[in-house]
Amino acid sequence: MSTNPTEAEIEDVLVNGLNNRWYAICPSHFLKDKPISLRRLGFKLALWRDADGTPYALEDHCPHRGAPLSVGIPLGNKIACGYHGVQIRCDGTVLAVPGSPGCKLEGSRPTLAFHLKETRGAIFMYKSQVNIDEPPPLVLPEQLVSDEYESFLCYVEWGADYRYVIDNVMDPMHGTFLHKQSHSMAAGERAAEFKLEDTEHGFMFAKAGQRDVNFDWSEFADTNYQWQRLDIPYPKSGGPGGSFGISGSSTPIVPNSAAVFFWRTRKVSGWERDVWRFLYKNRLEARHWAVLEQDRAVLEVMEPDANKREHLYQHDVGVMRVRRQMRKLAIDQLAGK
């Protein structure tokens, strides 16, 4: 435990993501009939499914000799190492050592295991540095749990720090400039004042005196899963339903590489849901990918230390608040709170 951590210690925590949080780690379609290996959150993970499709994750490291479990054989809720056949259950317990039955490795729990949830087309993982029997519930924004909303998952991997992605979402003003040529972000004032509004699980950073005109606000929330949300108003040509919403999060793969999840959402029901799904897939999706490409092109060429050489102003209050909150959480983690 560190009660007075250095900046380097704080950075070591934040670069790989805070502990005791849920993170989206990959789209559901990544997991098929064979185990896979992914680097996420400072870990190398082995992921597989059982015959019923239930996903599991262990650290990709056999406790015997360190061979990757991802090249092993899945056996329901356990996996057999391909090197010497050691069988490890999904909770990290060694069930069998075929080459030396009854050895002390059997019955031990040396492998780090991770709890997973699968929903909305993605696999979510609870990050903990120790094995736990039951994680807290995964609490998603209303737009991803309510039947009143339709959603599409957009997944990208960017060569940028995951925190730059969070900063980008919490900066509504960039839409007026970077995305000014897109189909829905040219309206509204170029100069604006912003205000902070506290919410149940975080805060909203919004333009004062302008609402539902452009990308006018961003929300940050921490429900043991840190997510961001925004709305973009649609013209009538965008089809039925309310504003076009984006709910998302970003997860560190390795330093300066992020797994980015954006769910495009809209409040629609009945026949209007079918109409909007058709319009989205046939007309709107390509435009939204083009907007994301504009973000990627900027974030990937920013230097890793760009956020150490900034001159921030009023438009950046939302970014500053997120950074302060993340820093405090890292300090609390180092202090064992």
C-alpha atoms as a PDB file:
ATOM      1  CA  MET A   1       0.000   0.000   0.000  1.00  0.00           C
ATOM      2  CA  SER A   2       1.201   3.509  -0.837  1.00  0.00           C
ATOM      3  CA  THR A   3      -0.213   6.442   1.114  1.00  0.00           C
ATOM      4  CA  ASN A   4       1.806   9.059  -0.772  1.00  0.00           C
ATOM      5  CA  PRO A   5       2.246   7.637  -4.272  1.00  0.00           C
ATOM      6  CA  THR A   6       4.508   9.116  -6.897  1.00  0.00           C
ATOM      7  CA  GLU A   7       3.232  10.219 -10.285  1.00  0.00           C
ATOM      8  CA  ALA A   8       4.940   7.164 -11.790  1.00  0.00           C
ATOM      9  CA  GLU A   9       3.013   4.850  -9.450  1.00  0.00           C
ATOM     10  CA  ILE A  10      -0.270   6.548 -10.315  1.00  0.00           C
ATOM     11  CA  GLU A  11       0.511   6.209 -14.013  1.00  0.00           C
ATOM     12  CA  ASP A  12       1.332   2.518 -13.573  1.00  0.00           C
ATOM     13  CA  VAL A  13      -2.200   2.020 -12.240  1.00  0.00           C
ATOM     14  CA  LEU A  14      -4.006   4.081 -14.855  1.00  0.00           C
ATOM     15  CA  VAL A  15      -2.152   2.849 -17.936  1.00  0.00           C
ATOM     16  CA  ASN A  16      -3.672  -0.634 -17.567  1.00  0.00           C
ATOM     17  CA  GLY A  17      -7.037   0.404 -16.152  1.00  0.00           C
ATOM     18  CA  LEU A  18      -8.316   0.579 -12.597  1.00  0.00           C
ATOM     19  CA  ASN A  19      -8.953  -2.591 -10.628  1.00  0.00           C
ATOM     20  CA  ASN A  20     -12.355  -3.729  -9.425  1.00  0.00           C
ATOM     21  CA  ARG A  21     -14.202  -2.496 -12.491  1.00  0.00           C
ATOM     22  CA  TRP A  22     -16.073  -4.072 -15.376  1.00  0.00           C
ATOM     23  CA  TYR A  23     -14.623  -3.521 -18.852  1.00  0.00           C
ATOM     24  CA  ALA A  24     -15.821  -4.460 -22.318  1.00  0.00           C
ATOM     25  CA  ILE A  25     -12.978  -6.556 -23.728  1.00  0.00           C
ATOM     26  CA  CYS A  26     -14.115  -7.840 -27.149  1.00  0.00           C
ATOM     27  CA  PRO A  27     -17.123  -8.341 -29.405  1.00  0.00           C
ATOM     28  CA  SER A  28     -18.998 -11.610 -28.872  1.00  0.00           C
ATOM     29  CA  HIS A  29     -18.036 -12.909 -32.301  1.00  0.00           C
ATOM     30  CA  PHE A  30     -14.366 -13.053 -31.278  1.00  0.00           C
ATOM     31  CA  LEU A  31     -15.131 -16.205 -29.242  1.00  0.00           C
ATOM     32  CA  LYS A  32     -15.980 -19.206 -31.397  1.00  0.00           C
ATOM     33  CA  ASP A  33     -15.192 -22.914 -31.131  1.00  0.00           C
ATOM     34  CA  LYS A  34     -11.490 -22.609 -30.295  1.00  0.00           C
ATOM     35  CA  PRO A  35      -9.786 -20.739 -27.414  1.00  0.00           C
ATOM     36  CA  ILE A  36      -8.283 -17.362 -28.205  1.00  0.00           C
ATOM     37  CA  SER A  37      -5.631 -15.188 -26.565  1.00  0.00           C
ATOM     38  CA  LEU A  38      -6.135 -11.463 -25.989  1.00  0.00           C
ATOM     39  CA  ARG A  39      -4.096  -8.821 -24.240  1.00  0.00           C
ATOM     40  CA  ARG A  40      -6.301  -6.553 -22.176  1.00  0.00           C
ATOM     41  CA  LEU A  41      -5.913  -4.481 -19.012  1.00  0.00           C
ATOM     42  CA  GLY A  42      -2.321  -5.534 -18.355  1.00  0.00           C
ATOM     43  CA  PHE A  43      -3.099  -9.247 -18.716  1.00  0.00           C
ATOM     44  CA  LYS A  44      -2.708 -11.895 -21.382  1.00  0.00           C
ATOM     45  CA  LEU A  45      -6.039 -13.730 -21.349  1.00  0.00           C
ATOM     46  CA  ALA A  46      -7.196 -17.136 -22.536  1.00  0.00           C
ATOM     47  CA  LEU A  47     -10.876 -17.118 -23.492  1.00  0.00           C
ATOM     48  CA  TRP A  48     -13.127 -19.968 -24.612  1.00  0.00           C
ATOM     49  CA  ARG A  49     -16.747 -21.128 -24.646  1.00  0.00           C
ATOM     50  CA  ASP A  50     -18.358 -24.337 -23.441  1.00  0.00           C
ATOM     51  CA  ALA A  51     -20.825 -26.357 -25.527  1.00  0.00           C
ATOM     52  CA  ASP A  52     -23.695 -24.110 -24.404  1.00  0.00           C
ATOM     53  CA  GLY A  53     -21.827 -20.978 -25.471  1.00  0.00           C
ATOM     54  CA  THR A  54     -20.979 -19.730 -21.979  1.00  0.00           C
ATOM     55  CA  PRO A  55     -17.698 -17.740 -22.115  1.00  0.00           C
ATOM     56  CA  TYR A  56     -14.805 -18.176 -19.670  1.00  0.00           C
ATOM     57  CA  ALA A  57     -11.487 -16.409 -19.081  1.00  0.00           C
ATOM     58  CA  LEU A  58      -8.268 -17.324 -17.286  1.00  0.00           C
ATOM     59  CA  GLU A  59      -4.868 -15.715 -17.336  1.00  0.00           C
ATOM     60  CA  ASP A  60      -3.154 -17.232 -20.386  1.00  0.00           C
ATOM     61  CA  HIS A  61      -0.505 -18.969 -18.311  1.00  0.00           C
ATOM     62  CA  CYS A  62      -0.424 -22.580 -17.186  1.00  0.00           C
ATOM     63  CA  PRO A  63       0.674 -22.797 -13.508  1.00  0.00           C
ATOM     64  CA  HIS A  64       2.894 -25.798 -14.322  1.00  0.00           C
ATOM     65  CA  ARG A  65       5.432 -24.415 -16.802  1.00  0.00           C
ATOM     66  CA  GLY A  66       3.800 -21.212 -18.060  1.00  0.00           C
ATOM     67  CA  ALA A  67       2.612 -22.496 -21.439  1.00  0.00           C
ATOM     68  CA  PRO A  68      -0.276 -20.463 -22.903  1.00  0.00           C
ATOM     69  CA  LEU A  69      -3.616 -22.045 -22.041  1.00  0.00           C
ATOM     70  CA  SER A  70      -5.074 -20.539 -25.211  1.00  0.00           C
ATOM     71  CA  VAL A  71      -3.405 -23.322 -27.228  1.00  0.00           C
ATOM     72  CA  GLY A  72      -4.980 -25.945 -24.965  1.00  0.00           C
ATOM     73  CA  ILE A  73      -8.139 -28.030 -25.230  1.00  0.00           C
ATOM     74  CA  PRO A  74     -11.459 -26.672 -23.875  1.00  0.00           C
ATOM     75  CA  LEU A  75     -13.354 -29.195 -21.740  1.00  0.00           C
ATOM     76  CA  GLY A  76     -16.590 -27.436 -20.832  1.00  0.00           C
ATOM     77  CA  ASN A  77     -15.904 -25.072 -17.941  1.00  0.00           C
ATOM     78  CA  LYS A  78     -12.252 -26.134 -17.753  1.00  0.00           C
ATOM     79  CA  ILE A  79      -9.315 -26.159 -20.118  1.00  0.00           C
ATOM     80  CA  ALA A  80      -6.476 -28.643 -20.521  1.00  0.00           C
ATOM     81  CA  CYS A  81      -3.024 -27.215 -21.188  1.00  0.00           C
ATOM     82  CA  GLY A  82      -1.756 -28.414 -24.540  1.00  0.00           C
ATOM     83  CA  TYR A  83       1.798 -28.862 -23.215  1.00  0.00           C
ATOM     84  CA  HIS A  84       1.336 -31.393 -20.386  1.00  0.00           C
ATOM     85  CA  GLY A  85      -2.424 -31.789 -20.075  1.00  0.00           C
ATOM     86  CA  VAL A  86      -2.862 -29.954 -16.746  1.00  0.00           C
ATOM     87  CA  GLN A  87      -6.574 -29.207 -16.339  1.00  0.00           C
ATOM     88  CA  ILE A  88      -7.643 -25.853 -14.853  1.00  0.00           C
ATOM     89  CA  ARG A  89     -11.244 -25.010 -14.018  1.00  0.00           C
ATOM     90  CA  CYS A  90     -12.753 -21.631 -14.900  1.00  0.00           C
ATOM     91  CA  ASP A  91     -12.310 -20.445 -11.292  1.00  0.00           C
ATOM     92  CA  GLY A  92      -8.532 -21.023 -11.474  1.00  0.00           C
ATOM     93  CA  THR A  93      -8.487 -24.359  -9.608  1.00  0.00           C
ATOM     94  CA  VAL A  94      -6.218 -27.139 -10.898  1.00  0.00           C
ATOM     95  CA  LEU A  95      -8.402 -30.237 -11.188  1.00  0.00           C
ATOM     96  CA  ALA A  96      -5.967 -32.772 -12.608  1.00  0.00           C
ATOM     97  CA  VAL A  97      -2.283 -33.277 -13.401  1.00  0.00           C
ATOM     98  CA  PRO A  98      -2.319 -36.332 -15.693  1.00  0.00           C
ATOM     99  CA  GLY A  99       1.444 -36.757 -15.624  1.00  0.00           C
ATOM    100  CA  SER A 100       1.635 -36.799 -11.822  1.00  0.00           C
ATOM    101  CA  PRO A 101      -1.726 -37.619 -10.227  1.00  0.00           C
ATOM    102  CA  GLY A 102      -2.052 -36.545  -6.604  1.00  0.00           C
ATOM    103  CA  CYS A 103       0.772 -33.970  -6.722  1.00  0.00           C
ATOM    104  CA  LYS A 104       0.444 -30.816  -4.649  1.00  0.00           C
ATOM    105  CA  LEU A 105      -0.612 -28.764  -7.682  1.00  0.00           C
ATOM    106  CA  GLU A 106      -3.933 -30.614  -7.790  1.00  0.00           C
ATOM    107  CA  GLY A 107      -6.615 -28.833  -5.776  1.00  0.00           C
ATOM    108  CA  SER A 108      -4.677 -25.553  -5.609  1.00  0.00           C
ATOM    109  CA  ARG A 109      -5.951 -22.312  -7.138  1.00  0.00           C
ATOM    110  CA  PRO A 110      -2.860 -20.633  -8.599  1.00  0.00           C
ATOM    111  CA  THR A 111      -4.377 -19.336 -11.852  1.00  0.00           C
ATOM    112  CA  LEU A 112      -6.027 -15.930 -12.022  1.00  0.00           C
ATOM    113  CA  ALA A 113      -9.620 -16.306 -13.183  1.00  0.00           C
ATOM    114  CA  PHE A 114     -11.942 -13.584 -14.470  1.00  0.00           C
ATOM    115  CA  HIS A 115     -15.721 -13.228 -14.351  1.00  0.00           C
ATOM    116  CA  LEU A 116     -17.406 -12.540 -17.676  1.00  0.00           C
ATOM    117  CA  LYS A 117     -20.811 -11.264 -18.777  1.00  0.00           C
ATOM    118  CA  GLU A 118     -22.061 -11.323 -22.349  1.00  0.00           C
ATOM    119  CA  THR A 119     -24.633  -8.809 -23.511  1.00  0.00           C
ATOM    120  CA  ARG A 120     -25.341  -6.410 -26.354  1.00  0.00           C
ATOM    121  CA  GLY A 121     -22.920  -8.179 -28.642  1.00  0.00           C
ATOM    122  CA  ALA A 122     -19.903  -7.827 -26.340  1.00  0.00           C
ATOM    123  CA  ILE A 123     -17.964  -9.708 -23.668  1.00  0.00           C
ATOM    124  CA  PHE A 124     -17.474  -7.795 -20.413  1.00  0.00           C
ATOM    125  CA  MET A 125     -14.827  -8.776 -17.853  1.00  0.00           C
ATOM    126  CA  TYR A 126     -14.452  -7.841 -14.191  1.00  0.00           C
ATOM    127  CA  LYS A 127     -10.843  -6.875 -13.539  1.00  0.00           C
ATOM    128  CA  SER A 128      -9.435  -8.059 -10.221  1.00  0.00           C
ATOM    129  CA  GLN A 129      -5.886  -8.848  -9.159  1.00  0.00           C
ATOM    130  CA  VAL A 130      -7.064 -11.774  -7.005  1.00  0.00           C
ATOM    131  CA  ASN A 131      -9.588 -14.544  -7.496  1.00  0.00           C
ATOM    132  CA  ILE A 132     -13.036 -13.597  -6.235  1.00  0.00           C
ATOM    133  CA  ASP A 133     -16.099 -15.817  -6.072  1.00  0.00           C
ATOM    134  CA  GLU A 134     -18.716 -13.212  -6.997  1.00  0.00           C
ATOM    135  CA  PRO A 135     -18.227  -9.805  -8.642  1.00  0.00           C
ATOM    136  CA  PRO A 136     -20.610  -6.851  -8.237  1.00  0.00           C
ATOM    137  CA  PRO A 137     -23.325  -6.595 -10.875  1.00  0.00           C
ATOM    138  CA  LEU A 138     -22.567  -5.123 -14.283  1.00  0.00           C
ATOM    139  CA  VAL A 139     -24.614  -1.899 -14.478  1.00  0.00           C
ATOM    140  CA  LEU A 140     -24.978  -0.529 -18.006  1.00  0.00           C
ATOM    141  CA  PRO A 141     -26.634   2.718 -19.130  1.00  0.00           C
ATOM    142  CA  GLU A 142     -30.382   2.582 -19.707  1.00  0.00           C
ATOM    143  CA  GLN A 143     -29.892   2.741 -23.479  1.00  0.00           C
ATOM    144  CA  LEU A 144     -28.214  -0.698 -23.377  1.00  0.00           C
ATOM    145  CA  VAL A 145     -30.680  -2.442 -21.064  1.00  0.00           C
ATOM    146  CA  SER A 146     -34.110  -1.005 -21.848  1.00  0.00           C
ATOM    147  CA  ASP A 147     -36.292  -2.684 -24.470  1.00  0.00           C
ATOM    148  CA  GLU A 148     -37.334   0.805 -25.566  1.00  0.00           C
ATOM    149  CA  TYR A 149     -33.981   1.246 -27.311  1.00  0.00           C
ATOM    150  CA  GLU A 150     -32.420  -0.409 -30.335  1.00  0.00           C
ATOM    151  CA  SER A 151     -28.637  -0.557 -30.544  1.00  0.00           C
ATOM    152  CA  PHE A 152     -25.785  -1.518 -32.852  1.00  0.00           C
ATOM    153  CA  LEU A 153     -22.275  -2.214 -31.588  1.00  0.00           C
ATOM    154  CA  CYS A 154     -19.378  -0.511 -33.324  1.00  0.00           C
ATOM    155  CA  TYR A 155     -15.992  -1.935 -32.308  1.00  0.00           C
ATOM    156  CA  VAL A 156     -12.600  -0.526 -33.260  1.00  0.00           C
ATOM    157  CA  GLU A 157      -9.012  -0.880 -32.085  1.00  0.00           C
ATOM    158  CA  TRP A 158      -7.019   2.327 -32.126  1.00  0.00           C
ATOM    159  CA  GLY A 159      -3.310   2.938 -31.650  1.00  0.00           C
ATOM    160  CA  ALA A 160      -3.892   5.482 -28.900  1.00  0.00           C
ATOM    161  CA  ASP A 161      -4.098   5.552 -25.124  1.00  0.00           C
ATOM    162  CA  TYR A 162      -7.593   4.563 -23.988  1.00  0.00           C
ATOM    163  CA  ARG A 163      -7.708   7.752 -21.909  1.00  0.00           C
ATOM    164  CA  TYR A 164      -7.421   9.852 -25.069  1.00  0.00           C
ATOM    165  CA  VAL A 165     -10.606   8.161 -26.266  1.00  0.00           C
ATOM    166  CA  ILE A 166     -12.381   9.127 -23.039  1.00  0.00           C
ATOM    167  CA  ASP A 167     -11.064  12.694 -23.361  1.00  0.00           C
ATOM    168  CA  ASN A 168     -12.363  12.827 -26.919  1.00  0.00           C
ATOM    169  CA  VAL A 169     -15.898  11.861 -25.924  1.00  0.00           C
ATOM    170  CA  MET A 170     -15.911  14.300 -22.990  1.00  0.00           C
ATOM    171  CA  ASP A 171     -15.008  17.150 -25.360  1.00  0.00           C
ATOM    172  CA  PRO A 172     -18.250  18.113 -27.148  1.00  0.00           C
ATOM    173  CA  MET A 173     -16.618  21.123 -28.800  1.00  0.00           C
ATOM    174  CA  HIS A 174     -14.452  19.015 -31.077  1.00  0.00           C
ATOM    175  CA  GLY A 175     -17.581  17.981 -32.985  1.00  0.00           C
ATOM    176  CA  THR A 176     -18.116  21.544 -34.179  1.00  0.00           C
ATOM    177  CA  PHE A 177     -14.678  21.606 -35.773  1.00  0.00           C
ATOM    178  CA  LEU A 178     -13.358  18.100 -36.505  1.00  0.00           C
ATOM    179  CA  HIS A 179     -16.729  16.753 -37.615  1.00  0.00           C
ATOM    180  CA  LYS A 180     -18.156  19.906 -39.170  1.00  0.00           C
ATOM    181  CA  GLN A 181     -18.421  18.259 -42.596  1.00  0.00           C
ATOM    182  CA  SER A 182     -20.401  15.288 -41.337  1.00  0.00           C
ATOM    183  CA  HIS A 183     -24.100  14.840 -41.924  1.00  0.00           C
ATOM    184  CA  SER A 184     -25.251  16.088 -38.518  1.00  0.00           C
ATOM    185  CA  MET A 185     -22.589  18.175 -36.779  1.00  0.00           C
ATOM    186  CA  ALA A 186     -22.482  21.484 -38.654  1.00  0.00           C
ATOM    187  CA  ALA A 187     -25.306  23.223 -36.752  1.00  0.00           C
ATOM    188  CA  GLY A 188     -25.096  25.456 -33.708  1.00  0.00           C
ATOM    189  CA  GLU A 189     -22.677  28.033 -32.368  1.00  0.00           C
ATOM    190  CA  ARG A 190     -18.940  27.719 -32.950  1.00  0.00           C
ATOM    191  CA  ALA A 191     -18.205  29.509 -29.667  1.00  0.00           C
ATOM    192  CA  ALA A 192     -19.922  28.300 -26.513  1.00  0.00           C
ATOM    193  CA  GLU A 193     -19.929  28.344 -22.742  1.00  0.00           C
ATOM    194  CA  PHE A 194     -20.180  25.052 -20.871  1.00  0.00           C
ATOM    195  CA  LYS A 195     -21.558  23.952 -17.526  1.00  0.00           C
ATOM    196  CA  LEU A 196     -21.190  20.864 -15.339  1.00  0.00           C
ATOM    197  CA  GLU A 197     -24.269  19.032 -14.066  1.00  0.00           C
ATOM    198  CA  ASP A 198     -23.976  16.242 -11.499  1.00  0.00           C
ATOM    199  CA  THR A 199     -25.827  13.018 -12.257  1.00  0.00           C
ATOM    200  CA  GLU A 200     -26.573   9.928 -10.172  1.00  0.00           C
ATOM    201  CA  HIS A 201     -23.340   8.177 -11.140  1.00  0.00           C
ATOM    202  CA  GLY A 202     -21.169  10.954 -12.516  1.00  0.00           C
ATOM    203  CA  PHE A 203     -21.668  14.217 -14.357  1.00  0.00           C
ATOM    204  CA  MET A 204     -22.788  15.821 -17.602  1.00  0.00           C
ATOM    205  CA  PHE A 205     -20.741  18.439 -19.431  1.00  0.00           C
ATOM    206  CA  ALA A 206     -23.064  20.536 -21.589  1.00  0.00           C
ATOM    207  CA  LYS A 207     -23.186  23.671 -23.697  1.00  0.00           C
ATOM    208  CA  ALA A 208     -25.078  26.412 -21.903  1.00  0.00           C
ATOM    209  CA  GLY A 209     -28.113  27.647 -23.837  1.00  0.00           C
ATOM    210  CA  GLN A 210     -27.869  25.086 -26.634  1.00  0.00           C
ATOM    211  CA  ARG A 211     -29.556  21.684 -26.542  1.00  0.00           C
ATOM    212  CA  ASP A 212     -30.448  19.141 -29.233  1.00  0.00           C
ATOM    213  CA  VAL A 213     -28.765  21.227 -31.933  1.00  0.00           C
ATOM    214  CA  ASN A 214     -25.421  19.458 -32.345  1.00  0.00           C
ATOM    215  CA  PHE A 215     -23.123  17.271 -30.216  1.00  0.00           C
ATOM    216  CA  ASP A 216     -24.076  19.511 -27.277  1.00  0.00           C
ATOM    217  CA  TRP A 217     -23.262  17.419 -24.196  1.00  0.00           C
ATOM    218  CA  SER A 218     -21.379  14.401 -22.889  1.00  0.00           C
ATOM    219  CA  GLU A 219     -22.055  12.271 -19.833  1.00  0.00           C
ATOM    220  CA  PHE A 220     -19.494  10.339 -17.792  1.00  0.00           C
ATOM    221  CA  ALA A 221     -20.622   7.711 -15.286  1.00  0.00           C
ATOM    222  CA  ASP A 222     -18.989   5.128 -13.033  1.00  0.00           C
ATOM    223  CA  THR A 223     -21.224   2.195 -12.061  1.00  0.00           C
ATOM    224  CA  ASN A 224     -18.265  -0.165 -11.524  1.00  0.00           C
ATOM    225  CA  TYR A 225     -18.191   0.127 -15.325  1.00  0.00           C
ATOM    226  CA  GLN A 226     -17.023   3.502 -16.605  1.00  0.00           C
ATOM    227  CA  TRP A 227     -19.084   4.631 -19.570  1.00  0.00           C
ATOM    228  CA  GLN A 228     -19.712   7.765 -21.593  1.00  0.00           C
ATOM    229  CA  ARG A 229     -22.841   8.852 -23.429  1.00  0.00           C
ATOM    230  CA  LEU A 230     -23.928  11.553 -25.861  1.00  0.00           C
ATOM    231  CA  ASP A 231     -26.770  12.383 -28.237  1.00  0.00           C
ATOM    232  CA  ILE A 232     -26.678  13.736 -31.766  1.00  0.00           C
ATOM    233  CA  PRO A 233     -29.971  15.206 -33.066  1.00  0.00           C
ATOM    234  CA  TYR A 234     -31.227  13.752 -36.329  1.00  0.00           C
ATOM    235  CA  PRO A 235     -33.007  15.487 -39.188  1.00  0.00           C
ATOM    236  CA  LYS A 236     -36.342  13.966 -40.281  1.00  0.00           C
ATOM    237  CA  SER A 237     -34.514  12.204 -43.097  1.00  0.00           C
ATOM    238  CA  GLY A 238     -32.822  10.099 -40.406  1.00  0.00           C
ATOM    239  CA  GLY A 239     -36.016   8.143 -39.866  1.00  0.00           C
ATOM    240  CA  PRO A 240     -38.324   7.653 -36.890  1.00  0.00           C
ATOM    241  CA  GLY A 241     -37.341   7.793 -33.248  1.00  0.00           C
ATOM    242  CA  GLY A 242     -35.504  10.135 -30.947  1.00  0.00           C
ATOM    243  CA  SER A 243     -31.977  11.492 -31.150  1.00  0.00           C
ATOM    244  CA  PHE A 244     -29.139   9.284 -32.299  1.00  0.00           C
ATOM    245  CA  GLY A 245     -27.346   8.196 -29.137  1.00  0.00           C
ATOM    246  CA  ILE A 246     -23.867   6.855 -28.532  1.00  0.00           C
ATOM    247  CA  SER A 247     -23.015   4.903 -25.374  1.00  0.00           C
ATOM    248  CA  GLY A 248     -19.505   3.587 -25.079  1.00  0.00           C
ATOM    249  CA  SER A 249     -16.290   2.888 -23.285  1.00  0.00           C
ATOM    250  CA  SER A 250     -12.638   2.190 -24.018  1.00  0.00           C
ATOM    251  CA  THR A 251     -10.352  -0.513 -22.632  1.00  0.00           C
ATOM    252  CA  PRO A 252      -6.551  -0.621 -22.660  1.00  0.00           C
ATOM    253  CA  ILE A 253      -5.076  -3.415 -24.794  1.00  0.00           C
ATOM    254  CA  VAL A 254      -1.450  -2.513 -24.125  1.00  0.00           C
ATOM    255  CA  PRO A 255      -0.020   0.981 -23.537  1.00  0.00           C
ATOM    256  CA  ASN A 256      -1.033   3.280 -26.406  1.00  0.00           C
ATOM    257  CA  SER A 257      -3.516   0.780 -27.818  1.00  0.00           C
ATOM    258  CA  ALA A 258      -7.227   0.754 -27.014  1.00  0.00           C
ATOM    259  CA  ALA A 259     -10.262  -1.430 -27.620  1.00  0.00           C
ATOM    260  CA  VAL A 260     -13.099   1.008 -28.296  1.00  0.00           C
ATOM    261  CA  PHE A 261     -16.797   0.162 -27.977  1.00  0.00           C
ATOM    262  CA  PHE A 262     -19.541   2.475 -29.223  1.00  0.00           C
ATOM    263  CA  TRP A 263     -23.138   1.367 -29.175  1.00  0.00           C
ATOM    264  CA  ARG A 264     -25.241   3.462 -31.542  1.00  0.00           C
ATOM    265  CA  THR A 265     -28.682   3.684 -29.939  1.00  0.00           C
ATOM    266  CA  ARG A 266     -32.106   5.085 -30.701  1.00  0.00           C
ATOM    267  CA  LYS A 267     -35.369   5.067 -28.783  1.00  0.00           C
ATOM    268  CA  VAL A 268     -37.735   3.291 -31.158  1.00  0.00           C
ATOM    269  CA  SER A 269     -40.341   0.527 -30.919  1.00  0.00           C
ATOM    270  CA  GLY A 270     -42.704  -1.492 -33.090  1.00  0.00           C
ATOM    271  CA  TRP A 271     -42.554  -0.957 -36.823  1.00  0.00           C
ATOM    272  CA  GLU A 272     -40.408   2.165 -36.334  1.00  0.00           C
ATOM    273  CA  ARG A 273     -37.658  -0.046 -34.903  1.00  0.00           C
ATOM    274  CA  ASP A 274     -37.601  -2.073 -38.127  1.00  0.00           C
ATOM    275  CA  VAL A 275     -37.557   1.071 -40.258  1.00  0.00           C
ATOM    276  CA  TRP A 276     -34.671   2.535 -38.307  1.00  0.00           C
ATOM    277  CA  ARG A 277     -32.673  -0.710 -38.429  1.00  0.00           C
ATOM    278  CA  PHE A 278     -33.079  -0.718 -42.208  1.00  0.00           C
ATOM    279  CA  LEU A 279     -32.090   2.944 -42.564  1.00  0.00           C
ATOM    280  CA  TYR A 280     -29.102   2.512 -40.294  1.00  0.00           C
ATOM    281  CA  LYS A 281     -27.659  -0.500 -42.083  1.00  0.00           C
ATOM    282  CA  ASN A 282     -28.342   0.828 -45.582  1.00  0.00           C
ATOM    283  CA  ARG A 283     -27.702   4.557 -45.312  1.00  0.00           C
ATOM    284  CA  LEU A 284     -26.397   5.796 -41.975  1.00  0.00           C
ATOM    285  CA  GLU A 285     -23.813   3.290 -40.782  1.00  0.00           C
ATOM    286  CA  ALA A 286     -21.200   4.259 -43.362  1.00  0.00           C
ATOM    287  CA  ARG A 287     -21.499   7.916 -42.336  1.00  0.00           C
ATOM    288  CA  HIS A 288     -20.938   7.059 -38.699  1.00  0.00           C
ATOM    289  CA  TRP A 289     -17.841   5.033 -39.544  1.00  0.00           C
ATOM    290  CA  ALA A 290     -16.563   8.088 -41.429  1.00  0.00           C
ATOM    291  CA  VAL A 291     -16.983  10.214 -38.287  1.00  0.00           C
ATOM    292  CA  LEU A 292     -15.067   7.645 -36.227  1.00  0.00           C
ATOM    293  CA  GLU A 293     -12.311   7.647 -38.806  1.00  0.00           C
ATOM    294  CA  GLN A 294     -11.895  11.397 -38.283  1.00  0.00           C
ATOM    295  CA  ASP A 295     -11.408  10.770 -34.551  1.00  0.00           C
ATOM    296  CA  ARG A 296      -8.967   7.920 -35.154  1.00  0.00           C
ATOM    297  CA  ALA A 297      -6.863   9.953 -37.555  1.00  0.00           C
ATOM    298  CA  VAL A 298      -6.258  12.584 -34.853  1.00  0.00           C
ATOM    299  CA  LEU A 299      -5.909  10.388 -31.760  1.00  0.00           C
ATOM    300  CA  GLU A 300      -3.454   7.930 -33.303  1.00  0.00           C
ATOM    301  CA  VAL A 301      -0.953  10.644 -34.215  1.00  0.00           C
ATOM    302  CA  MET A 302      -1.067  12.423 -30.863  1.00  0.00           C
ATOM    303  CA  GLU A 303       2.152  11.900 -28.921  1.00  0.00           C
ATOM    304  CA  PRO A 304       1.844   9.713 -25.796  1.00  0.00           C
ATOM    305  CA  ASP A 305       2.863  12.702 -23.671  1.00  0.00           C
ATOM    306  CA  ALA A 306       0.615  15.212 -25.451  1.00  0.00           C
ATOM    307  CA  ASN A 307      -1.560  15.508 -22.343  1.00  0.00           C
ATOM    308  CA  LYS A 308       1.499  16.629 -20.357  1.00  0.00           C
ATOM    309  CA  ARG A 309       2.023  19.708 -22.559  1.00  0.00           C
ATOM    310  CA  GLU A 310      -1.459  21.220 -22.728  1.00  0.00           C
ATOM    311  CA  HIS A 311      -2.879  24.707 -22.245  1.00  0.00           C
ATOM    312  CA  LEU A 312      -6.477  23.978 -21.295  1.00  0.00           C
ATOM    313  CA  TYR A 313      -9.382  26.402 -21.227  1.00  0.00           C
ATOM    314  CA  GLN A 314     -13.078  26.449 -20.310  1.00  0.00           C
ATOM    315  CA  HIS A 315     -14.126  23.953 -22.965  1.00  0.00           C
ATOM    316  CA  ASP A 316     -11.881  21.361 -21.284  1.00  0.00           C
ATOM    317  CA  VAL A 317     -13.521  21.347 -17.838  1.00  0.00           C
ATOM    318  CA  GLY A 318     -15.204  18.002 -18.562  1.00  0.00           C
ATOM    319  CA  VAL A 319     -11.878  16.447 -19.536  1.00  0.00           C
ATOM    320  CA  MET A 320     -10.214  17.845 -16.427  1.00  0.00           C
ATOM    321  CA  ARG A 321     -12.914  16.482 -14.132  1.00  0.00           C
ATOM    322  CA  VAL A 322     -12.617  12.963 -15.559  1.00  0.00           C
ATOM    323  CA  ARG A 323      -8.844  13.061 -15.177  1.00  0.00           C
ATOM    324  CA  ARG A 324      -9.080  14.228 -11.563  1.00  0.00           C
ATOM    325  CA  GLN A 325     -11.573  11.498 -10.761  1.00  0.00           C
ATOM    326  CA  MET A 326      -9.440   8.800 -12.378  1.00  0.00           C
ATOM    327  CA  ARG A 327      -6.354  10.046 -10.558  1.00  0.00           C
ATOM    328  CA  LYS A 328      -8.159   9.967  -7.200  1.00  0.00           C
ATOM    329  CA  LEU A 329      -9.369   6.427  -7.837  1.00  0.00           C
ATOM    330  CA  ALA A 330      -5.816   5.361  -8.680  1.00  0.00           C
ATOM    331  CA  ILE A 331      -4.517   6.890  -5.457  1.00  0.00           C
ATOM    332  CA  ASP A 332      -7.270   5.130  -3.486  1.00  0.00           C
ATOM    333  CA  GLN A 333      -6.314   1.833  -5.138  1.00  0.00           C
ATOM    334  CA  LEU A 334      -2.665   2.287  -4.206  1.00  0.00           C
ATOM    335  CA  ALA A 335      -3.725   3.076  -0.629  1.00  0.00           C
ATOM    336  CA  GLY A 336      -5.753  -0.139  -0.481  1.00  0.00           C
ATOM    337  CA  LYS A 337      -9.118   1.614  -0.169  1.00  0.00           C
END
